[in-house]
Amino acid sequence: MIPYKQLSLAEIFEDCQNKFDNDKYSFLSLLNETINLDEIVPVSLVTHFHCHYIECR
């Protein structure tokens, strides 16, 4: 049987920080694969951003 170990938030943060410091591209790719920003960022914010910084239609 495989023993289980509960990770603390500090350990997870440290692992993420090490990954970011050592390989930013891999870290950002991992975030891109696991976090769907469309579910987090409201459409109104995206629209306002594009209107303000890119082109307002």
C-alpha atoms as a PDB file:
ATOM      1  CA  MET A   1       0.000   0.000   0.000  1.00  0.00           C
ATOM      2  CA  ILE A   2       1.216   3.495  -0.882  1.00  0.00           C
ATOM      3  CA  PRO A   3       1.394   5.829   2.110  1.00  0.00           C
ATOM      4  CA  TYR A   4      -0.386   9.138   1.631  1.00  0.00           C
ATOM      5  CA  LYS A   5       1.082  12.477   2.576  1.00  0.00           C
ATOM      6  CA  GLN A   6      -1.022  15.588   2.931  1.00  0.00           C
ATOM      7  CA  LEU A   7       0.665  18.622   1.417  1.00  0.00           C
ATOM      8  CA  SER A   8       0.469  21.927   3.196  1.00  0.00           C
ATOM      9  CA  LEU A   9      -0.384  25.138   1.384  1.00  0.00           C
ATOM     10  CA  ALA A  10       3.156  26.340   2.093  1.00  0.00           C
ATOM     11  CA  GLU A  11       4.627  23.285   0.332  1.00  0.00           C
ATOM     12  CA  ILE A  12       2.371  23.770  -2.681  1.00  0.00           C
ATOM     13  CA  PHE A  13       3.292  27.466  -2.857  1.00  0.00           C
ATOM     14  CA  GLU A  14       6.995  26.634  -2.581  1.00  0.00           C
ATOM     15  CA  ASP A  15       6.742  24.067  -5.390  1.00  0.00           C
ATOM     16  CA  CYS A  16       4.920  26.578  -7.602  1.00  0.00           C
ATOM     17  CA  GLN A  17       7.433  29.292  -6.800  1.00  0.00           C
ATOM     18  CA  ASN A  18      10.367  26.987  -7.617  1.00  0.00           C
ATOM     19  CA  LYS A  19       8.735  25.960 -10.894  1.00  0.00           C
ATOM     20  CA  PHE A  20       8.155  29.624 -11.776  1.00  0.00           C
ATOM     21  CA  ASP A  21      11.736  30.616 -10.906  1.00  0.00           C
ATOM     22  CA  ASN A  22      13.337  27.706 -12.781  1.00  0.00           C
ATOM     23  CA  ASP A  23      11.096  27.369 -15.842  1.00  0.00           C
ATOM     24  CA  LYS A  24       8.647  30.213 -16.428  1.00  0.00           C
ATOM     25  CA  TYR A  25       7.436  28.871 -19.773  1.00  0.00           C
ATOM     26  CA  SER A  26       6.550  25.492 -18.282  1.00  0.00           C
ATOM     27  CA  PHE A  27       4.852  27.146 -15.299  1.00  0.00           C
ATOM     28  CA  LEU A  28       2.720  29.411 -17.494  1.00  0.00           C
ATOM     29  CA  SER A  29       1.855  26.482 -19.765  1.00  0.00           C
ATOM     30  CA  LEU A  30       0.703  24.515 -16.729  1.00  0.00           C
ATOM     31  CA  LEU A  31      -1.489  27.431 -15.613  1.00  0.00           C
ATOM     32  CA  ASN A  32      -2.906  27.776 -19.106  1.00  0.00           C
ATOM     33  CA  GLU A  33      -3.837  24.084 -19.155  1.00  0.00           C
ATOM     34  CA  THR A  34      -5.433  24.024 -15.706  1.00  0.00           C
ATOM     35  CA  ILE A  35      -7.125  27.407 -15.279  1.00  0.00           C
ATOM     36  CA  ASN A  36      -9.923  28.523 -17.567  1.00  0.00           C
ATOM     37  CA  LEU A  37      -9.912  32.314 -17.360  1.00  0.00           C
ATOM     38  CA  ASP A  38     -13.236  32.474 -19.210  1.00  0.00           C
ATOM     39  CA  GLU A  39     -14.855  30.996 -16.101  1.00  0.00           C
ATOM     40  CA  ILE A  40     -13.184  33.484 -13.759  1.00  0.00           C
ATOM     41  CA  VAL A  41     -13.096  36.799 -15.641  1.00  0.00           C
ATOM     42  CA  PRO A  42     -16.501  38.383 -16.313  1.00  0.00           C
ATOM     43  CA  VAL A  43     -17.367  39.241 -19.916  1.00  0.00           C
ATOM     44  CA  SER A  44     -17.946  42.872 -18.936  1.00  0.00           C
ATOM     45  CA  LEU A  45     -14.320  43.171 -17.779  1.00  0.00           C
ATOM     46  CA  VAL A  46     -12.993  41.674 -21.009  1.00  0.00           C
ATOM     47  CA  THR A  47     -15.204  43.992 -23.067  1.00  0.00           C
ATOM     48  CA  HIS A  48     -14.092  47.030 -21.079  1.00  0.00           C
ATOM     49  CA  PHE A  49     -10.428  46.030 -21.430  1.00  0.00           C
ATOM     50  CA  HIS A  50     -10.684  45.604 -25.191  1.00  0.00           C
ATOM     51  CA  CYS A  51     -12.628  48.842 -25.561  1.00  0.00           C
ATOM     52  CA  HIS A  52     -10.125  50.772 -23.480  1.00  0.00           C
ATOM     53  CA  TYR A  53      -6.838  49.307 -24.734  1.00  0.00           C
ATOM     54  CA  ILE A  54      -7.510  47.839 -28.164  1.00  0.00           C
ATOM     55  CA  GLU A  55     -10.507  48.975 -30.159  1.00  0.00           C
ATOM     56  CA  CYS A  56     -13.993  49.877 -29.063  1.00  0.00           C
ATOM     57  CA  ARG A  57     -16.779  48.635 -31.329  1.00  0.00           C
END
